[in-house]
């Protein structure tokens, strides 16, 4: 009789452990799903980078020209990436996030945030001036967090910026 009680206790312990394990697995799956939904970094499919996010900082004064210049610069950057990669990759889809303070007509952001951005247009960094640079907080070899661009660089990508830094689209492909 003593052994039968022990076995029944073992059975209860095993069923509680199994229940806890199932709950832990369900929680882990939910966390992974939430992370997958919230982390909207660019992905690559059929050689094209999808869901590239460009965020314009609220610190940047409203300027309708910056949007057209961004489109033009990133189109040229995609073409340069395609050439540089020997027709292996290009920028397939890009979303530009505008500050809420801007009056420019745009659809509201649903899932994208500035933290998801691969490119950020922001004011000049005193250490780099108007030169684009990539912020990388990880280990050597890890991908960067985002590439910083200034409004001056974007708006002058075919003029002064090109004269100062060289082909602007090549600079962005390099970054």
C-alpha atoms as a PDB file:
ATOM      1  CA  UNK A   1       0.000   0.000   0.000  1.00  0.00           C
ATOM      2  CA  UNK A   2       2.893   2.320   0.686  1.00  0.00           C
ATOM      3  CA  UNK A   3       4.225   1.899  -2.881  1.00  0.00           C
ATOM      4  CA  UNK A   4       0.818   2.507  -4.438  1.00  0.00           C
ATOM      5  CA  UNK A   5       0.627   5.869  -2.644  1.00  0.00           C
ATOM      6  CA  UNK A   6       4.088   6.731  -3.917  1.00  0.00           C
ATOM      7  CA  UNK A   7       3.095   5.918  -7.480  1.00  0.00           C
ATOM      8  CA  UNK A   8      -0.033   7.993  -7.295  1.00  0.00           C
ATOM      9  CA  UNK A   9       2.011  10.904  -5.948  1.00  0.00           C
ATOM     10  CA  UNK A  10       4.445  10.422  -8.816  1.00  0.00           C
ATOM     11  CA  UNK A  11       1.545  10.454 -11.270  1.00  0.00           C
ATOM     12  CA  UNK A  12       0.217  13.687  -9.765  1.00  0.00           C
ATOM     13  CA  UNK A  13       3.690  15.220  -9.877  1.00  0.00           C
ATOM     14  CA  UNK A  14       4.149  14.154 -13.520  1.00  0.00           C
ATOM     15  CA  UNK A  15       0.775  15.527 -14.592  1.00  0.00           C
ATOM     16  CA  UNK A  16       1.497  18.861 -12.848  1.00  0.00           C
ATOM     17  CA  UNK A  17       4.910  19.002 -14.513  1.00  0.00           C
ATOM     18  CA  UNK A  18       3.386  18.216 -17.898  1.00  0.00           C
ATOM     19  CA  UNK A  19       0.761  20.916 -17.404  1.00  0.00           C
ATOM     20  CA  UNK A  20       3.429  23.462 -16.431  1.00  0.00           C
ATOM     21  CA  UNK A  21       5.534  22.437 -19.412  1.00  0.00           C
ATOM     22  CA  UNK A  22       2.560  22.876 -21.761  1.00  0.00           C
ATOM     23  CA  UNK A  23       1.879  26.337 -20.319  1.00  0.00           C
ATOM     24  CA  UNK A  24       5.546  27.283 -20.710  1.00  0.00           C
ATOM     25  CA  UNK A  25       5.531  26.103 -24.346  1.00  0.00           C
ATOM     26  CA  UNK A  26       2.359  28.066 -25.090  1.00  0.00           C
ATOM     27  CA  UNK A  27       3.882  31.184 -23.487  1.00  0.00           C
ATOM     28  CA  UNK A  28       7.090  30.742 -25.502  1.00  0.00           C
ATOM     29  CA  UNK A  29       5.120  30.409 -28.746  1.00  0.00           C
ATOM     30  CA  UNK A  30       3.089  33.519 -27.923  1.00  0.00           C
ATOM     31  CA  UNK A  31       6.240  35.501 -27.147  1.00  0.00           C
ATOM     32  CA  UNK A  32       7.819  34.414 -30.442  1.00  0.00           C
ATOM     33  CA  UNK A  33       4.676  35.391 -32.346  1.00  0.00           C
ATOM     34  CA  UNK A  34       4.561  38.790 -30.647  1.00  0.00           C
ATOM     35  CA  UNK A  35       8.250  39.368 -31.392  1.00  0.00           C
ATOM     36  CA  UNK A  36       7.756  38.389 -35.008  1.00  0.00           C
ATOM     37  CA  UNK A  37       4.851  40.821 -35.353  1.00  0.00           C
ATOM     38  CA  UNK A  38       6.606  43.707 -33.620  1.00  0.00           C
ATOM     39  CA  UNK A  39      10.008  43.295 -35.277  1.00  0.00           C
ATOM     40  CA  UNK A  40       9.323  44.536 -38.779  1.00  0.00           C
ATOM     41  CA  UNK A  41      12.932  44.776 -39.960  1.00  0.00           C
ATOM     42  CA  UNK A  42      13.549  44.341 -43.666  1.00  0.00           C
ATOM     43  CA  UNK A  43      13.479  40.851 -45.055  1.00  0.00           C
ATOM     44  CA  UNK A  44      14.689  39.486 -48.373  1.00  0.00           C
ATOM     45  CA  UNK A  45      12.573  37.434 -50.766  1.00  0.00           C
ATOM     46  CA  UNK A  46      13.313  36.679 -54.409  1.00  0.00           C
ATOM     47  CA  UNK A  47      16.443  38.863 -54.137  1.00  0.00           C
ATOM     48  CA  UNK A  48      14.426  41.935 -53.119  1.00  0.00           C
ATOM     49  CA  UNK A  49      14.569  43.627 -49.725  1.00  0.00           C
ATOM     50  CA  UNK A  50      10.990  44.030 -48.464  1.00  0.00           C
ATOM     51  CA  UNK A  51       9.689  46.275 -45.697  1.00  0.00           C
ATOM     52  CA  UNK A  52      12.596  48.699 -45.606  1.00  0.00           C
ATOM     53  CA  UNK A  53      11.599  51.455 -43.204  1.00  0.00           C
ATOM     54  CA  UNK A  54      12.858  55.026 -43.428  1.00  0.00           C
ATOM     55  CA  UNK A  55      11.933  57.256 -40.481  1.00  0.00           C
ATOM     56  CA  UNK A  56      12.104  61.030 -40.520  1.00  0.00           C
ATOM     57  CA  UNK A  57      12.791  62.380 -37.045  1.00  0.00           C
ATOM     58  CA  UNK A  58      10.326  64.819 -35.459  1.00  0.00           C
ATOM     59  CA  UNK A  59      13.390  67.086 -34.991  1.00  0.00           C
ATOM     60  CA  UNK A  60      13.570  67.594 -38.777  1.00  0.00           C
ATOM     61  CA  UNK A  61      11.577  70.639 -39.918  1.00  0.00           C
ATOM     62  CA  UNK A  62       8.732  69.843 -42.300  1.00  0.00           C
ATOM     63  CA  UNK A  63       9.943  69.826 -45.889  1.00  0.00           C
ATOM     64  CA  UNK A  64       7.888  68.284 -48.709  1.00  0.00           C
ATOM     65  CA  UNK A  65      11.004  68.165 -50.936  1.00  0.00           C
ATOM     66  CA  UNK A  66      12.697  65.718 -48.593  1.00  0.00           C
ATOM     67  CA  UNK A  67      10.122  63.024 -49.410  1.00  0.00           C
ATOM     68  CA  UNK A  68      10.606  63.301 -53.186  1.00  0.00           C
ATOM     69  CA  UNK A  69      14.382  63.479 -52.740  1.00  0.00           C
ATOM     70  CA  UNK A  70      14.325  60.397 -50.470  1.00  0.00           C
ATOM     71  CA  UNK A  71      12.367  58.461 -53.093  1.00  0.00           C
ATOM     72  CA  UNK A  72      14.824  59.489 -55.795  1.00  0.00           C
ATOM     73  CA  UNK A  73      17.907  58.771 -53.664  1.00  0.00           C
ATOM     74  CA  UNK A  74      16.673  55.353 -52.552  1.00  0.00           C
ATOM     75  CA  UNK A  75      15.634  54.405 -56.101  1.00  0.00           C
ATOM     76  CA  UNK A  76      19.175  55.218 -57.280  1.00  0.00           C
ATOM     77  CA  UNK A  77      20.590  53.350 -54.274  1.00  0.00           C
ATOM     78  CA  UNK A  78      18.520  50.285 -55.207  1.00  0.00           C
ATOM     79  CA  UNK A  79      19.824  50.465 -58.784  1.00  0.00           C
ATOM     80  CA  UNK A  80      23.401  50.741 -57.484  1.00  0.00           C
ATOM     81  CA  UNK A  81      22.846  47.795 -55.125  1.00  0.00           C
ATOM     82  CA  UNK A  82      21.538  45.751 -58.054  1.00  0.00           C
ATOM     83  CA  UNK A  83      24.648  46.581 -60.128  1.00  0.00           C
ATOM     84  CA  UNK A  84      27.079  46.109 -57.228  1.00  0.00           C
ATOM     85  CA  UNK A  85      25.569  42.730 -56.299  1.00  0.00           C
ATOM     86  CA  UNK A  86      25.710  41.567 -59.938  1.00  0.00           C
ATOM     87  CA  UNK A  87      21.926  41.584 -60.230  1.00  0.00           C
ATOM     88  CA  UNK A  88      21.480  39.620 -56.992  1.00  0.00           C
ATOM     89  CA  UNK A  89      19.634  42.116 -54.783  1.00  0.00           C
ATOM     90  CA  UNK A  90      17.659  45.346 -54.832  1.00  0.00           C
ATOM     91  CA  UNK A  91      15.272  47.352 -52.660  1.00  0.00           C
ATOM     92  CA  UNK A  92      11.818  45.980 -53.386  1.00  0.00           C
ATOM     93  CA  UNK A  93       9.578  47.937 -51.000  1.00  0.00           C
ATOM     94  CA  UNK A  94      10.248  50.977 -48.833  1.00  0.00           C
ATOM     95  CA  UNK A  95       7.992  52.751 -46.326  1.00  0.00           C
ATOM     96  CA  UNK A  96       8.692  56.292 -45.201  1.00  0.00           C
ATOM     97  CA  UNK A  97       7.513  57.236 -41.705  1.00  0.00           C
ATOM     98  CA  UNK A  98       6.720  60.918 -41.291  1.00  0.00           C
ATOM     99  CA  UNK A  99       6.538  62.802 -38.002  1.00  0.00           C
ATOM    100  CA  UNK A 100       2.973  63.230 -36.768  1.00  0.00           C
ATOM    101  CA  UNK A 101       3.577  66.971 -36.598  1.00  0.00           C
ATOM    102  CA  UNK A 102       3.943  67.191 -40.381  1.00  0.00           C
ATOM    103  CA  UNK A 103       0.876  68.274 -42.365  1.00  0.00           C
ATOM    104  CA  UNK A 104       1.865  66.074 -45.347  1.00  0.00           C
ATOM    105  CA  UNK A 105      -0.984  63.737 -46.288  1.00  0.00           C
ATOM    106  CA  UNK A 106      -0.053  60.110 -45.571  1.00  0.00           C
ATOM    107  CA  UNK A 107      -1.617  56.895 -44.337  1.00  0.00           C
ATOM    108  CA  UNK A 108      -1.211  56.317 -40.596  1.00  0.00           C
ATOM    109  CA  UNK A 109       1.501  53.901 -39.541  1.00  0.00           C
ATOM    110  CA  UNK A 110       0.058  50.581 -38.443  1.00  0.00           C
ATOM    111  CA  UNK A 111       2.942  48.387 -37.333  1.00  0.00           C
ATOM    112  CA  UNK A 112       6.086  50.375 -38.153  1.00  0.00           C
ATOM    113  CA  UNK A 113       7.927  52.521 -35.646  1.00  0.00           C
ATOM    114  CA  UNK A 114      11.062  54.644 -35.823  1.00  0.00           C
ATOM    115  CA  UNK A 115      12.834  51.893 -33.882  1.00  0.00           C
ATOM    116  CA  UNK A 116      12.226  49.549 -36.849  1.00  0.00           C
ATOM    117  CA  UNK A 117      13.897  51.892 -39.339  1.00  0.00           C
ATOM    118  CA  UNK A 118      16.880  50.864 -41.433  1.00  0.00           C
ATOM    119  CA  UNK A 119      17.397  54.528 -42.384  1.00  0.00           C
ATOM    120  CA  UNK A 120      16.776  57.535 -40.145  1.00  0.00           C
ATOM    121  CA  UNK A 121      16.726  61.109 -41.411  1.00  0.00           C
ATOM    122  CA  UNK A 122      17.725  63.327 -38.506  1.00  0.00           C
ATOM    123  CA  UNK A 123      19.593  66.494 -37.690  1.00  0.00           C
ATOM    124  CA  UNK A 124      23.348  66.775 -38.095  1.00  0.00           C
ATOM    125  CA  UNK A 125      25.534  64.804 -35.702  1.00  0.00           C
ATOM    126  CA  UNK A 126      28.494  67.039 -34.713  1.00  0.00           C
ATOM    127  CA  UNK A 127      30.903  64.081 -34.946  1.00  0.00           C
ATOM    128  CA  UNK A 128      29.954  63.180 -38.546  1.00  0.00           C
ATOM    129  CA  UNK A 129      28.470  66.362 -39.982  1.00  0.00           C
ATOM    130  CA  UNK A 130      26.325  65.599 -43.032  1.00  0.00           C
ATOM    131  CA  UNK A 131      28.220  62.397 -43.803  1.00  0.00           C
ATOM    132  CA  UNK A 132      25.973  59.294 -43.662  1.00  0.00           C
ATOM    133  CA  UNK A 133      26.993  56.718 -41.074  1.00  0.00           C
ATOM    134  CA  UNK A 134      25.630  53.470 -39.695  1.00  0.00           C
ATOM    135  CA  UNK A 135      24.922  53.060 -35.994  1.00  0.00           C
ATOM    136  CA  UNK A 136      26.040  49.603 -34.911  1.00  0.00           C
ATOM    137  CA  UNK A 137      25.712  48.650 -31.250  1.00  0.00           C
ATOM    138  CA  UNK A 138      26.369  44.932 -31.716  1.00  0.00           C
ATOM    139  CA  UNK A 139      29.493  42.873 -32.132  1.00  0.00           C
ATOM    140  CA  UNK A 140      31.852  43.159 -35.070  1.00  0.00           C
ATOM    141  CA  UNK A 141      30.175  41.506 -38.039  1.00  0.00           C
ATOM    142  CA  UNK A 142      26.621  42.101 -36.761  1.00  0.00           C
ATOM    143  CA  UNK A 143      24.339  44.176 -38.945  1.00  0.00           C
ATOM    144  CA  UNK A 144      23.912  47.831 -38.051  1.00  0.00           C
ATOM    145  CA  UNK A 145      20.942  49.274 -36.199  1.00  0.00           C
ATOM    146  CA  UNK A 146      20.241  51.998 -38.782  1.00  0.00           C
ATOM    147  CA  UNK A 147      21.932  54.344 -41.228  1.00  0.00           C
ATOM    148  CA  UNK A 148      21.762  58.028 -40.295  1.00  0.00           C
ATOM    149  CA  UNK A 149      21.106  60.562 -43.056  1.00  0.00           C
ATOM    150  CA  UNK A 150      20.762  64.311 -42.714  1.00  0.00           C
ATOM    151  CA  UNK A 151      18.105  66.370 -44.497  1.00  0.00           C
ATOM    152  CA  UNK A 152      20.927  68.269 -46.254  1.00  0.00           C
ATOM    153  CA  UNK A 153      22.399  65.017 -47.622  1.00  0.00           C
ATOM    154  CA  UNK A 154      18.988  63.844 -48.872  1.00  0.00           C
ATOM    155  CA  UNK A 155      18.016  67.180 -50.439  1.00  0.00           C
ATOM    156  CA  UNK A 156      21.435  67.705 -52.050  1.00  0.00           C
ATOM    157  CA  UNK A 157      22.206  64.122 -53.095  1.00  0.00           C
ATOM    158  CA  UNK A 158      22.686  65.140 -56.733  1.00  0.00           C
ATOM    159  CA  UNK A 159      24.512  68.391 -56.057  1.00  0.00           C
ATOM    160  CA  UNK A 160      26.660  69.490 -53.145  1.00  0.00           C
ATOM    161  CA  UNK A 161      26.494  66.118 -51.351  1.00  0.00           C
ATOM    162  CA  UNK A 162      27.762  64.350 -54.466  1.00  0.00           C
ATOM    163  CA  UNK A 163      30.510  66.951 -54.909  1.00  0.00           C
ATOM    164  CA  UNK A 164      31.544  66.577 -51.260  1.00  0.00           C
ATOM    165  CA  UNK A 165      31.232  62.820 -50.682  1.00  0.00           C
ATOM    166  CA  UNK A 166      31.072  61.213 -54.136  1.00  0.00           C
ATOM    167  CA  UNK A 167      28.171  59.266 -55.659  1.00  0.00           C
ATOM    168  CA  UNK A 168      25.583  59.345 -52.905  1.00  0.00           C
ATOM    169  CA  UNK A 169      23.932  56.080 -53.933  1.00  0.00           C
ATOM    170  CA  UNK A 170      27.305  54.297 -53.737  1.00  0.00           C
ATOM    171  CA  UNK A 171      27.845  55.712 -50.262  1.00  0.00           C
ATOM    172  CA  UNK A 172      24.497  54.290 -49.094  1.00  0.00           C
ATOM    173  CA  UNK A 173      25.201  50.886 -50.648  1.00  0.00           C
ATOM    174  CA  UNK A 174      28.539  50.883 -48.850  1.00  0.00           C
ATOM    175  CA  UNK A 175      26.897  51.807 -45.520  1.00  0.00           C
END
